[in-house]
N, C-alpha and C. Protein backbone atom coordinates (compact mmCIF):
# COMPACT_ATOMS: atom_id res chain seq x y z
N LEU A 1 -47.07 96.68 86.83
CA LEU A 1 -45.96 95.73 86.79
C LEU A 1 -44.63 96.48 86.73
N LEU A 2 -44.58 97.53 85.93
CA LEU A 2 -43.35 98.30 85.81
C LEU A 2 -43.01 99.01 87.13
N GLU A 3 -44.02 99.47 87.83
CA GLU A 3 -43.81 100.10 89.13
C GLU A 3 -43.26 99.08 90.13
N TYR A 4 -43.81 97.88 90.11
CA TYR A 4 -43.33 96.81 90.99
C TYR A 4 -41.86 96.50 90.67
N LYS A 5 -41.54 96.41 89.38
CA LYS A 5 -40.17 96.10 88.98
C LYS A 5 -39.22 97.20 89.42
N GLU A 6 -39.65 98.43 89.29
CA GLU A 6 -38.80 99.56 89.70
C GLU A 6 -38.52 99.50 91.20
N THR A 7 -39.52 99.10 91.97
CA THR A 7 -39.38 99.03 93.43
C THR A 7 -38.55 97.84 93.87
N PHE A 8 -38.84 96.65 93.30
CA PHE A 8 -38.23 95.42 93.79
C PHE A 8 -37.14 94.85 92.90
N GLY A 9 -36.97 95.39 91.70
CA GLY A 9 -35.90 94.93 90.82
C GLY A 9 -36.23 93.71 90.00
N ASN A 10 -37.47 93.23 90.08
CA ASN A 10 -37.89 92.08 89.27
C ASN A 10 -39.40 92.13 89.07
N CYS A 11 -39.91 91.20 88.30
CA CYS A 11 -41.36 91.12 88.04
C CYS A 11 -41.98 89.93 88.75
N ASN A 12 -41.35 89.44 89.79
CA ASN A 12 -41.83 88.25 90.51
C ASN A 12 -42.85 88.64 91.57
N VAL A 13 -43.98 89.13 91.12
CA VAL A 13 -45.05 89.57 92.01
C VAL A 13 -45.61 88.36 92.75
N PRO A 14 -45.69 88.43 94.09
CA PRO A 14 -46.27 87.31 94.81
C PRO A 14 -47.77 87.22 94.59
N VAL A 15 -48.28 86.02 94.67
CA VAL A 15 -49.73 85.80 94.54
C VAL A 15 -50.17 85.05 95.79
N PRO A 16 -51.02 85.61 96.60
CA PRO A 16 -51.64 86.92 96.45
C PRO A 16 -50.69 88.05 96.82
N TYR A 17 -50.95 89.22 96.25
CA TYR A 17 -50.17 90.43 96.54
C TYR A 17 -51.10 91.41 97.23
N LYS A 18 -50.99 91.49 98.54
CA LYS A 18 -51.95 92.24 99.36
C LYS A 18 -51.93 93.74 99.07
N ILE A 19 -50.79 94.28 98.69
CA ILE A 19 -50.69 95.72 98.43
C ILE A 19 -51.51 96.11 97.22
N LYS A 20 -51.48 95.29 96.19
CA LYS A 20 -52.21 95.58 94.96
C LYS A 20 -52.72 94.24 94.41
N PRO A 21 -53.84 93.74 94.95
CA PRO A 21 -54.34 92.41 94.58
C PRO A 21 -54.54 92.21 93.09
N GLU A 22 -54.94 93.25 92.37
CA GLU A 22 -55.18 93.10 90.94
C GLU A 22 -53.89 92.79 90.18
N LEU A 23 -52.75 93.27 90.68
CA LEU A 23 -51.48 92.97 90.04
C LEU A 23 -51.13 91.49 90.24
N GLY A 24 -51.35 90.99 91.44
CA GLY A 24 -51.13 89.56 91.69
C GLY A 24 -52.00 88.70 90.80
N GLU A 25 -53.25 89.09 90.63
CA GLU A 25 -54.16 88.33 89.77
C GLU A 25 -53.74 88.41 88.30
N PHE A 26 -53.28 89.57 87.88
CA PHE A 26 -52.80 89.76 86.52
C PHE A 26 -51.65 88.78 86.24
N VAL A 27 -50.70 88.75 87.15
CA VAL A 27 -49.53 87.88 87.00
C VAL A 27 -49.96 86.42 86.97
N ARG A 28 -50.80 86.03 87.92
CA ARG A 28 -51.27 84.64 88.00
C ARG A 28 -52.00 84.24 86.72
N THR A 29 -52.90 85.09 86.27
CA THR A 29 -53.68 84.81 85.05
C THR A 29 -52.77 84.65 83.84
N HIS A 30 -51.80 85.54 83.70
CA HIS A 30 -50.92 85.47 82.52
C HIS A 30 -50.01 84.25 82.56
N ARG A 31 -49.60 83.84 83.75
CA ARG A 31 -48.80 82.61 83.84
C ARG A 31 -49.64 81.38 83.47
N ILE A 32 -50.88 81.39 83.89
CA ILE A 32 -51.79 80.28 83.54
C ILE A 32 -52.01 80.26 82.03
N LEU A 33 -52.30 81.42 81.45
CA LEU A 33 -52.52 81.50 80.00
C LEU A 33 -51.29 81.05 79.23
N TYR A 34 -50.12 81.42 79.73
CA TYR A 34 -48.88 81.01 79.08
C TYR A 34 -48.74 79.49 79.10
N GLY A 35 -48.97 78.90 80.27
CA GLY A 35 -48.89 77.44 80.38
C GLY A 35 -49.86 76.73 79.48
N GLN A 36 -51.08 77.27 79.39
CA GLN A 36 -52.09 76.67 78.52
C GLN A 36 -51.70 76.81 77.05
N LYS A 37 -51.13 77.95 76.71
CA LYS A 37 -50.70 78.15 75.33
C LYS A 37 -49.60 77.16 74.97
N LYS A 38 -48.64 76.97 75.86
CA LYS A 38 -47.54 76.04 75.60
C LYS A 38 -48.03 74.60 75.45
N LYS A 39 -49.13 74.26 76.14
CA LYS A 39 -49.70 72.92 76.05
C LYS A 39 -50.69 72.79 74.90
N GLY A 40 -50.97 73.90 74.21
CA GLY A 40 -51.91 73.88 73.10
C GLY A 40 -53.36 73.87 73.53
N ILE A 41 -53.65 74.23 74.77
CA ILE A 41 -55.03 74.22 75.28
C ILE A 41 -55.81 75.42 74.75
N ASN A 42 -55.16 76.59 74.75
CA ASN A 42 -55.82 77.77 74.19
C ASN A 42 -54.77 78.72 73.63
N ASP A 43 -55.24 79.75 72.96
CA ASP A 43 -54.34 80.72 72.35
C ASP A 43 -54.78 82.14 72.74
N LEU A 44 -55.21 82.30 74.01
CA LEU A 44 -55.71 83.60 74.47
C LEU A 44 -54.59 84.62 74.70
N LEU A 45 -53.39 84.15 74.90
CA LEU A 45 -52.24 85.02 75.09
C LEU A 45 -51.50 85.13 73.76
N SER A 46 -51.45 86.34 73.23
CA SER A 46 -50.81 86.52 71.92
C SER A 46 -49.29 86.54 72.05
N ASP A 47 -48.62 86.27 70.95
CA ASP A 47 -47.15 86.33 70.93
C ASP A 47 -46.69 87.75 71.24
N GLU A 48 -47.45 88.75 70.79
CA GLU A 48 -47.10 90.14 71.06
C GLU A 48 -47.17 90.44 72.56
N GLN A 49 -48.20 89.93 73.22
CA GLN A 49 -48.32 90.13 74.67
C GLN A 49 -47.16 89.45 75.39
N MET A 50 -46.83 88.25 74.95
CA MET A 50 -45.71 87.54 75.56
C MET A 50 -44.41 88.31 75.38
N ASP A 51 -44.17 88.82 74.19
CA ASP A 51 -42.96 89.58 73.91
C ASP A 51 -42.88 90.83 74.78
N ARG A 52 -43.99 91.54 74.90
CA ARG A 52 -44.02 92.76 75.71
C ARG A 52 -43.70 92.46 77.17
N LEU A 53 -44.27 91.40 77.69
CA LEU A 53 -44.01 91.02 79.08
C LEU A 53 -42.55 90.58 79.27
N GLU A 54 -42.05 89.80 78.33
CA GLU A 54 -40.67 89.32 78.42
C GLU A 54 -39.67 90.47 78.33
N LYS A 55 -39.98 91.49 77.54
CA LYS A 55 -39.08 92.64 77.39
C LYS A 55 -38.92 93.42 78.69
N VAL A 56 -39.92 93.40 79.55
CA VAL A 56 -39.80 94.10 80.84
C VAL A 56 -39.26 93.17 81.92
N GLY A 57 -38.97 91.91 81.57
CA GLY A 57 -38.38 90.98 82.51
C GLY A 57 -39.36 90.06 83.21
N PHE A 58 -40.55 89.90 82.63
CA PHE A 58 -41.54 89.01 83.22
C PHE A 58 -41.05 87.58 83.14
N CYS A 59 -41.17 86.87 84.23
CA CYS A 59 -40.72 85.48 84.31
C CYS A 59 -41.93 84.56 84.33
N TRP A 60 -42.00 83.66 83.38
CA TRP A 60 -43.15 82.76 83.29
C TRP A 60 -43.09 81.67 84.35
N ALA A 61 -41.91 81.26 84.73
CA ALA A 61 -41.75 80.22 85.74
C ALA A 61 -41.02 80.83 86.93
N VAL A 62 -41.76 81.51 87.76
CA VAL A 62 -41.16 82.26 88.86
C VAL A 62 -40.43 81.37 89.86
N LYS A 63 -40.87 80.15 90.04
CA LYS A 63 -40.21 79.25 90.99
C LYS A 63 -38.74 79.06 90.62
N GLU A 64 -38.47 78.85 89.34
CA GLU A 64 -37.09 78.68 88.89
C GLU A 64 -36.30 79.98 89.06
N ALA A 65 -36.93 81.12 88.80
CA ALA A 65 -36.25 82.41 88.94
C ALA A 65 -35.89 82.68 90.39
N VAL A 66 -36.82 82.41 91.28
CA VAL A 66 -36.57 82.64 92.70
C VAL A 66 -35.50 81.68 93.20
N THR A 67 -35.54 80.43 92.77
CA THR A 67 -34.53 79.46 93.16
C THR A 67 -33.15 79.93 92.71
N GLU A 68 -33.05 80.44 91.50
CA GLU A 68 -31.77 80.95 90.99
C GLU A 68 -31.30 82.14 91.81
N GLU A 69 -32.21 83.05 92.16
CA GLU A 69 -31.84 84.20 92.99
C GLU A 69 -31.30 83.73 94.34
N HIS A 70 -31.95 82.76 94.96
CA HIS A 70 -31.50 82.23 96.24
C HIS A 70 -30.15 81.55 96.09
N ARG A 71 -29.97 80.81 95.01
CA ARG A 71 -28.70 80.13 94.78
C ARG A 71 -27.58 81.16 94.66
N ASN A 72 -27.82 82.23 93.91
CA ASN A 72 -26.81 83.29 93.76
C ASN A 72 -26.54 83.98 95.09
N TYR A 73 -27.61 84.25 95.86
CA TYR A 73 -27.46 84.90 97.15
C TYR A 73 -26.63 84.02 98.08
N ASN A 74 -26.96 82.74 98.15
CA ASN A 74 -26.23 81.83 99.02
C ASN A 74 -24.77 81.71 98.61
N ALA A 75 -24.51 81.69 97.31
CA ALA A 75 -23.13 81.61 96.83
C ALA A 75 -22.36 82.86 97.24
N ASP A 76 -23.00 84.02 97.14
CA ASP A 76 -22.36 85.27 97.54
C ASP A 76 -22.05 85.26 99.03
N ARG A 77 -23.00 84.81 99.84
CA ARG A 77 -22.81 84.75 101.29
C ARG A 77 -21.69 83.77 101.65
N GLU A 78 -21.64 82.66 100.95
CA GLU A 78 -20.60 81.67 101.20
C GLU A 78 -19.23 82.25 100.88
N THR A 79 -19.13 82.97 99.78
CA THR A 79 -17.87 83.61 99.39
C THR A 79 -17.45 84.64 100.43
N GLU A 80 -18.40 85.46 100.89
CA GLU A 80 -18.09 86.46 101.91
C GLU A 80 -17.60 85.80 103.19
N ALA A 81 -18.24 84.72 103.61
CA ALA A 81 -17.84 84.03 104.83
C ALA A 81 -16.44 83.44 104.69
N ARG A 82 -16.15 82.85 103.53
CA ARG A 82 -14.83 82.27 103.30
C ARG A 82 -13.76 83.36 103.30
N GLU A 83 -14.03 84.51 102.66
CA GLU A 83 -13.07 85.60 102.63
C GLU A 83 -12.83 86.16 104.03
N TYR A 84 -13.88 86.25 104.83
CA TYR A 84 -13.73 86.75 106.19
C TYR A 84 -12.90 85.78 107.04
N LEU A 85 -13.14 84.50 106.89
CA LEU A 85 -12.38 83.49 107.63
C LEU A 85 -10.91 83.55 107.23
N GLU A 86 -10.62 83.69 105.96
CA GLU A 86 -9.24 83.79 105.49
C GLU A 86 -8.58 85.04 106.07
N TYR A 87 -9.32 86.13 106.12
CA TYR A 87 -8.80 87.37 106.70
C TYR A 87 -8.46 87.15 108.17
N GLN A 88 -9.36 86.51 108.91
CA GLN A 88 -9.13 86.27 110.34
C GLN A 88 -7.90 85.38 110.55
N ILE A 89 -7.72 84.39 109.71
CA ILE A 89 -6.56 83.50 109.82
C ILE A 89 -5.27 84.28 109.54
N ARG A 90 -5.26 85.07 108.47
CA ARG A 90 -4.07 85.88 108.15
C ARG A 90 -3.75 86.83 109.30
N ARG A 91 -4.77 87.43 109.85
CA ARG A 91 -4.59 88.39 110.95
C ARG A 91 -4.02 87.67 112.19
N ALA A 92 -4.57 86.51 112.49
CA ALA A 92 -4.09 85.75 113.66
C ALA A 92 -2.64 85.32 113.48
N LEU A 93 -2.24 84.98 112.27
CA LEU A 93 -0.87 84.56 112.02
C LEU A 93 0.11 85.72 112.14
N GLN A 94 -0.35 86.93 111.94
CA GLN A 94 0.51 88.10 112.03
C GLN A 94 0.71 88.57 113.46
N LEU A 95 -0.18 88.19 114.37
CA LEU A 95 -0.06 88.60 115.77
C LEU A 95 1.08 87.86 116.44
N LYS A 96 1.78 88.58 117.28
CA LYS A 96 2.87 87.95 118.02
C LYS A 96 2.28 87.19 119.19
N PRO A 97 2.84 86.04 119.50
CA PRO A 97 2.33 85.31 120.66
C PRO A 97 2.56 86.11 121.93
N PHE A 98 1.63 86.07 122.81
CA PHE A 98 1.77 86.81 124.06
C PHE A 98 2.49 85.96 125.09
N SER A 99 3.09 86.62 126.03
CA SER A 99 3.86 85.92 127.05
C SER A 99 2.96 85.53 128.21
N MET A 100 3.18 84.36 128.73
CA MET A 100 2.43 83.88 129.87
C MET A 100 3.15 84.24 131.18
N ASN A 101 4.30 84.90 131.07
CA ASN A 101 5.06 85.28 132.28
C ASN A 101 4.44 86.52 132.90
N PHE A 102 4.16 86.47 134.17
CA PHE A 102 3.58 87.63 134.87
C PHE A 102 4.59 88.26 135.76
C-alpha cells in the first residue's frame, strides 16, 4: 500500500488491481470490514488497524475521495481556461487595428 501511495500519491487502489491483485483484494476486504464494523455487524477490524491505515492516508469511502479529486481538478482547469481567455482578451485589446487599405 505504501509503495502504491508513493507511486500514485494516494491509497485509492482500484479493485480489481491487475498489477498486484492481492493489494486490490486487501483494500476491498478492509473497506468491507470497516463498513461492517460501523454497522455493528462484526469487530474484525481493530481500532489500531484503522488508525494505522488512516495515518498513511487510506480512504474508507474512495468514491467520495475520487469525486473530490475530480472536483478539484475540474476547478483548476476552469480557472486556467478563464485566465487564458482573459489573457487573450487583454492581448487583443493591445493590438492596433490593421488597415484595410491596399
